[in-house]
Amino acid sequence: MREDIARLQQLSEQEMEQDIAEMNTWVEELAKQDLFVSGEPLENESKLVGQVATDGPFLEAREGISGYLIIMAKDLEQAAMLAGQCPHVLQQKISIEVRPIMNIEN
C-alpha cells in the first residue's frame, strides 16, 4: 500500500481513527471470505538502503509504503479486483501494488 506520507502525518487523531476503522472493516470482510492471510501497517519512519531509483514505476519522494496485506486469490486478476474494493483506493487516498508471491522450489 502506497500513500502520501505527508498526508498521514497531517491527519488528526480522529481522522487517523476513521482511516483505521475503514481499513479494519475491509480486512474483516476479506477474513470472513477466508481471503485474508496477514498484514500490518508500517511506521512512517524509514531508511532507504541501496541504489535509488530515478525513473520507472517507482515510489516518488512524497510517497511511502504504509502497509502490506497478503491475501489468498485464485489469480492476479482476482487479487487486483479485491484490492480495488479497498475503501482508501476508492477514495483515492492510497494505491495498492498487487503482486503474486514467487514460488521458489527447493
N, C-alpha and C. Protein backbone atom coordinates (compact mmCIF):
# COMPACT_ATOMS: atom_id res chain seq x y z
N MET A 1 0.85 -1.16 0.00
CA MET A 1 0.00 0.00 0.00
C MET A 1 0.89 1.22 0.00
N ARG A 2 0.65 2.09 -0.96
CA ARG A 2 1.44 3.30 -1.09
C ARG A 2 0.55 4.51 -0.88
N GLU A 3 1.09 5.47 -0.15
CA GLU A 3 0.33 6.70 0.02
C GLU A 3 1.25 7.86 0.36
N ASP A 4 0.66 9.03 0.34
CA ASP A 4 1.38 10.26 0.63
C ASP A 4 1.65 10.30 2.14
N ILE A 5 2.91 10.11 2.50
CA ILE A 5 3.28 10.07 3.91
C ILE A 5 3.01 11.41 4.59
N ALA A 6 3.20 12.52 3.88
CA ALA A 6 2.90 13.84 4.44
C ALA A 6 1.43 13.94 4.83
N ARG A 7 0.55 13.36 4.00
CA ARG A 7 -0.89 13.36 4.33
C ARG A 7 -1.13 12.62 5.63
N LEU A 8 -0.46 11.48 5.79
CA LEU A 8 -0.61 10.70 7.02
C LEU A 8 -0.17 11.50 8.24
N GLN A 9 0.94 12.20 8.11
CA GLN A 9 1.48 12.95 9.23
C GLN A 9 0.61 14.13 9.62
N GLN A 10 -0.24 14.58 8.71
CA GLN A 10 -1.10 15.74 8.98
C GLN A 10 -2.49 15.34 9.48
N LEU A 11 -2.78 14.05 9.54
CA LEU A 11 -4.10 13.63 10.00
C LEU A 11 -4.28 13.92 11.48
N SER A 12 -5.48 14.35 11.84
CA SER A 12 -5.81 14.49 13.25
C SER A 12 -6.00 13.09 13.83
N GLU A 13 -6.04 13.00 15.13
CA GLU A 13 -6.26 11.70 15.77
C GLU A 13 -7.59 11.10 15.32
N GLN A 14 -8.62 11.93 15.22
CA GLN A 14 -9.94 11.47 14.78
C GLN A 14 -9.89 10.96 13.34
N GLU A 15 -9.20 11.68 12.46
CA GLU A 15 -9.07 11.24 11.06
C GLU A 15 -8.30 9.93 10.97
N MET A 16 -7.24 9.79 11.78
CA MET A 16 -6.47 8.55 11.78
C MET A 16 -7.33 7.39 12.27
N GLU A 17 -8.11 7.61 13.31
CA GLU A 17 -9.01 6.56 13.82
C GLU A 17 -10.03 6.16 12.76
N GLN A 18 -10.55 7.13 12.01
CA GLN A 18 -11.50 6.85 10.93
C GLN A 18 -10.84 6.03 9.84
N ASP A 19 -9.63 6.42 9.43
CA ASP A 19 -8.89 5.65 8.41
C ASP A 19 -8.68 4.21 8.87
N ILE A 20 -8.27 4.04 10.11
CA ILE A 20 -8.02 2.70 10.65
C ILE A 20 -9.31 1.89 10.67
N ALA A 21 -10.40 2.50 11.10
CA ALA A 21 -11.69 1.80 11.16
C ALA A 21 -12.13 1.35 9.77
N GLU A 22 -11.95 2.20 8.76
CA GLU A 22 -12.33 1.84 7.39
C GLU A 22 -11.51 0.66 6.89
N MET A 23 -10.21 0.69 7.15
CA MET A 23 -9.35 -0.42 6.71
C MET A 23 -9.69 -1.70 7.48
N ASN A 24 -9.93 -1.58 8.78
CA ASN A 24 -10.28 -2.76 9.57
C ASN A 24 -11.56 -3.42 9.05
N THR A 25 -12.54 -2.62 8.69
CA THR A 25 -13.80 -3.15 8.16
C THR A 25 -13.54 -3.92 6.86
N TRP A 26 -12.72 -3.36 5.97
CA TRP A 26 -12.39 -4.02 4.71
C TRP A 26 -11.65 -5.34 4.96
N VAL A 27 -10.67 -5.31 5.86
CA VAL A 27 -9.90 -6.52 6.16
C VAL A 27 -10.80 -7.58 6.82
N GLU A 28 -11.70 -7.17 7.67
CA GLU A 28 -12.64 -8.11 8.29
C GLU A 28 -13.51 -8.79 7.24
N GLU A 29 -13.92 -8.05 6.21
CA GLU A 29 -14.70 -8.64 5.12
C GLU A 29 -13.87 -9.67 4.35
N LEU A 30 -12.60 -9.35 4.10
CA LEU A 30 -11.71 -10.33 3.45
C LEU A 30 -11.57 -11.58 4.32
N ALA A 31 -11.42 -11.39 5.63
CA ALA A 31 -11.26 -12.52 6.55
C ALA A 31 -12.52 -13.39 6.57
N LYS A 32 -13.70 -12.79 6.53
CA LYS A 32 -14.95 -13.55 6.52
C LYS A 32 -15.04 -14.46 5.30
N GLN A 33 -14.38 -14.06 4.22
CA GLN A 33 -14.37 -14.85 2.99
C GLN A 33 -13.16 -15.79 2.92
N ASP A 34 -12.42 -15.90 4.04
CA ASP A 34 -11.19 -16.71 4.10
C ASP A 34 -10.16 -16.29 3.05
N LEU A 35 -10.07 -14.98 2.78
CA LEU A 35 -9.12 -14.46 1.81
C LEU A 35 -7.94 -13.75 2.46
N PHE A 36 -8.08 -13.36 3.71
CA PHE A 36 -7.03 -12.63 4.41
C PHE A 36 -6.03 -13.61 5.01
N VAL A 37 -4.74 -13.39 4.73
CA VAL A 37 -3.68 -14.22 5.31
C VAL A 37 -2.96 -13.46 6.41
N SER A 38 -2.44 -12.28 6.09
CA SER A 38 -1.77 -11.45 7.09
C SER A 38 -1.61 -10.04 6.55
N GLY A 39 -1.22 -9.15 7.41
CA GLY A 39 -0.97 -7.77 7.00
C GLY A 39 -0.71 -6.91 8.21
N GLU A 40 0.03 -5.84 7.99
CA GLU A 40 0.34 -4.92 9.07
C GLU A 40 0.52 -3.52 8.51
N PRO A 41 0.16 -2.51 9.30
CA PRO A 41 0.53 -1.14 8.92
C PRO A 41 2.02 -0.96 9.23
N LEU A 42 2.66 -0.03 8.56
CA LEU A 42 4.06 0.26 8.80
C LEU A 42 4.21 1.68 9.34
N GLU A 43 5.21 1.90 10.15
CA GLU A 43 5.50 3.24 10.67
C GLU A 43 5.91 4.15 9.52
N ASN A 44 5.75 5.45 9.69
CA ASN A 44 6.12 6.43 8.66
C ASN A 44 7.63 6.55 8.50
N GLU A 45 8.37 6.36 9.58
CA GLU A 45 9.82 6.49 9.54
C GLU A 45 10.43 5.32 8.78
N SER A 46 11.41 5.61 7.91
CA SER A 46 12.05 4.54 7.14
C SER A 46 13.46 4.94 6.76
N LYS A 47 14.22 3.99 6.29
CA LYS A 47 15.56 4.20 5.75
C LYS A 47 15.61 3.53 4.40
N LEU A 48 16.13 4.23 3.39
CA LEU A 48 16.31 3.66 2.07
C LEU A 48 17.75 3.19 1.97
N VAL A 49 17.94 1.93 1.65
CA VAL A 49 19.26 1.33 1.56
C VAL A 49 19.47 0.83 0.14
N GLY A 50 20.62 1.13 -0.45
CA GLY A 50 20.91 0.65 -1.79
C GLY A 50 20.73 1.71 -2.83
N GLN A 51 20.67 1.29 -4.06
CA GLN A 51 20.57 2.20 -5.19
C GLN A 51 19.22 2.89 -5.21
N VAL A 52 19.23 4.18 -5.46
CA VAL A 52 17.99 4.96 -5.53
C VAL A 52 17.47 4.91 -6.97
N ALA A 53 16.19 4.58 -7.12
CA ALA A 53 15.56 4.55 -8.44
C ALA A 53 15.32 5.97 -8.92
N THR A 54 15.60 6.22 -10.18
CA THR A 54 15.41 7.57 -10.71
C THR A 54 14.34 7.65 -11.78
N ASP A 55 13.90 6.52 -12.31
CA ASP A 55 12.83 6.55 -13.30
C ASP A 55 12.06 5.24 -13.24
N GLY A 56 10.99 5.19 -13.97
CA GLY A 56 10.19 3.97 -14.00
C GLY A 56 9.09 4.00 -12.95
N PRO A 57 8.44 2.87 -12.76
CA PRO A 57 7.29 2.80 -11.84
C PRO A 57 7.74 2.64 -10.38
N PHE A 58 8.44 3.64 -9.87
CA PHE A 58 8.96 3.57 -8.51
C PHE A 58 8.31 4.64 -7.65
N LEU A 59 8.55 4.54 -6.35
CA LEU A 59 7.99 5.50 -5.42
C LEU A 59 8.50 6.91 -5.69
N GLU A 60 7.61 7.86 -5.62
CA GLU A 60 8.01 9.26 -5.68
C GLU A 60 8.44 9.67 -4.28
N ALA A 61 9.13 10.78 -4.17
CA ALA A 61 9.66 11.22 -2.89
C ALA A 61 8.57 11.41 -1.83
N ARG A 62 7.39 11.83 -2.22
CA ARG A 62 6.34 12.08 -1.23
C ARG A 62 5.56 10.83 -0.88
N GLU A 63 5.75 9.76 -1.63
CA GLU A 63 5.03 8.53 -1.36
C GLU A 63 5.86 7.60 -0.49
N GLY A 64 5.16 6.76 0.23
CA GLY A 64 5.81 5.74 1.02
C GLY A 64 4.94 4.52 1.10
N ILE A 65 5.52 3.43 1.52
CA ILE A 65 4.77 2.20 1.71
C ILE A 65 4.24 2.23 3.14
N SER A 66 2.93 2.27 3.26
CA SER A 66 2.31 2.44 4.58
C SER A 66 1.84 1.14 5.20
N GLY A 67 1.87 0.05 4.44
CA GLY A 67 1.46 -1.22 4.99
C GLY A 67 1.43 -2.28 3.91
N TYR A 68 1.11 -3.49 4.32
CA TYR A 68 1.01 -4.59 3.36
C TYR A 68 -0.09 -5.55 3.79
N LEU A 69 -0.62 -6.26 2.83
CA LEU A 69 -1.58 -7.33 3.07
C LEU A 69 -1.19 -8.52 2.22
N ILE A 70 -1.35 -9.69 2.77
CA ILE A 70 -1.22 -10.92 1.99
C ILE A 70 -2.61 -11.55 1.99
N ILE A 71 -3.12 -11.77 0.80
CA ILE A 71 -4.46 -12.36 0.66
C ILE A 71 -4.36 -13.62 -0.20
N MET A 72 -5.38 -14.44 -0.12
CA MET A 72 -5.50 -15.62 -0.97
C MET A 72 -6.40 -15.25 -2.14
N ALA A 73 -5.90 -15.43 -3.33
CA ALA A 73 -6.69 -15.16 -4.53
C ALA A 73 -6.35 -16.23 -5.55
N LYS A 74 -7.31 -16.54 -6.42
CA LYS A 74 -7.06 -17.59 -7.41
C LYS A 74 -6.06 -17.15 -8.47
N ASP A 75 -5.97 -15.82 -8.70
CA ASP A 75 -5.03 -15.30 -9.70
C ASP A 75 -4.84 -13.81 -9.47
N LEU A 76 -3.96 -13.22 -10.27
CA LEU A 76 -3.64 -11.80 -10.14
C LEU A 76 -4.87 -10.93 -10.40
N GLU A 77 -5.73 -11.36 -11.31
CA GLU A 77 -6.94 -10.58 -11.63
C GLU A 77 -7.86 -10.49 -10.42
N GLN A 78 -8.07 -11.60 -9.73
CA GLN A 78 -8.93 -11.57 -8.55
C GLN A 78 -8.30 -10.72 -7.45
N ALA A 79 -6.98 -10.86 -7.28
CA ALA A 79 -6.28 -10.06 -6.26
C ALA A 79 -6.43 -8.57 -6.55
N ALA A 80 -6.29 -8.18 -7.80
CA ALA A 80 -6.44 -6.77 -8.18
C ALA A 80 -7.88 -6.30 -7.96
N MET A 81 -8.84 -7.16 -8.25
CA MET A 81 -10.24 -6.81 -8.04
C MET A 81 -10.51 -6.58 -6.55
N LEU A 82 -9.97 -7.46 -5.70
CA LEU A 82 -10.15 -7.31 -4.26
C LEU A 82 -9.47 -6.04 -3.75
N ALA A 83 -8.27 -5.76 -4.23
CA ALA A 83 -7.57 -4.54 -3.84
C ALA A 83 -8.36 -3.30 -4.27
N GLY A 84 -9.00 -3.38 -5.42
CA GLY A 84 -9.80 -2.27 -5.91
C GLY A 84 -11.01 -1.97 -5.06
N GLN A 85 -11.39 -2.90 -4.18
CA GLN A 85 -12.52 -2.70 -3.28
C GLN A 85 -12.12 -2.02 -1.97
N CYS A 86 -10.83 -1.81 -1.78
CA CYS A 86 -10.34 -1.15 -0.56
C CYS A 86 -10.94 0.25 -0.50
N PRO A 87 -11.51 0.63 0.65
CA PRO A 87 -12.13 1.95 0.73
C PRO A 87 -11.16 3.09 0.47
N HIS A 88 -9.91 2.93 0.84
CA HIS A 88 -8.95 4.01 0.62
C HIS A 88 -8.50 4.10 -0.84
N VAL A 89 -8.58 3.00 -1.57
CA VAL A 89 -8.35 3.05 -3.02
C VAL A 89 -9.54 3.78 -3.66
N LEU A 90 -10.74 3.41 -3.26
CA LEU A 90 -11.94 4.04 -3.80
C LEU A 90 -11.98 5.55 -3.52
N GLN A 91 -11.43 5.96 -2.37
CA GLN A 91 -11.38 7.38 -2.00
C GLN A 91 -10.12 8.06 -2.54
N GLN A 92 -9.32 7.33 -3.27
CA GLN A 92 -8.07 7.82 -3.86
C GLN A 92 -7.08 8.34 -2.82
N LYS A 93 -7.08 7.71 -1.65
CA LYS A 93 -6.11 8.05 -0.61
C LYS A 93 -4.82 7.24 -0.78
N ILE A 94 -4.94 6.04 -1.33
CA ILE A 94 -3.78 5.16 -1.49
C ILE A 94 -3.84 4.46 -2.84
N SER A 95 -2.74 3.86 -3.19
CA SER A 95 -2.72 2.91 -4.30
C SER A 95 -2.16 1.61 -3.75
N ILE A 96 -2.56 0.53 -4.34
CA ILE A 96 -2.09 -0.79 -3.91
C ILE A 96 -1.42 -1.46 -5.09
N GLU A 97 -0.19 -1.86 -4.88
CA GLU A 97 0.53 -2.64 -5.88
C GLU A 97 0.24 -4.10 -5.59
N VAL A 98 -0.28 -4.81 -6.57
CA VAL A 98 -0.69 -6.21 -6.39
C VAL A 98 0.32 -7.11 -7.10
N ARG A 99 0.86 -8.05 -6.35
CA ARG A 99 1.84 -8.98 -6.91
C ARG A 99 1.62 -10.37 -6.34
N PRO A 100 1.85 -11.39 -7.15
CA PRO A 100 1.83 -12.74 -6.60
C PRO A 100 3.14 -13.00 -5.83
N ILE A 101 3.06 -13.88 -4.87
CA ILE A 101 4.26 -14.31 -4.14
C ILE A 101 4.98 -15.32 -5.03
N MET A 102 6.27 -15.12 -5.21
CA MET A 102 7.05 -16.00 -6.07
C MET A 102 7.20 -17.37 -5.41
N ASN A 103 6.94 -18.39 -6.18
CA ASN A 103 7.08 -19.76 -5.69
C ASN A 103 8.48 -20.25 -6.04
N ILE A 104 9.29 -20.48 -5.03
CA ILE A 104 10.65 -20.98 -5.23
C ILE A 104 10.72 -22.40 -4.70
N GLU A 105 11.00 -23.31 -5.59
CA GLU A 105 11.09 -24.71 -5.19
C GLU A 105 12.51 -25.00 -4.75
N ASN A 106 12.63 -25.82 -3.69
CA ASN A 106 13.96 -26.19 -3.19
C ASN A 106 14.61 -27.22 -4.05
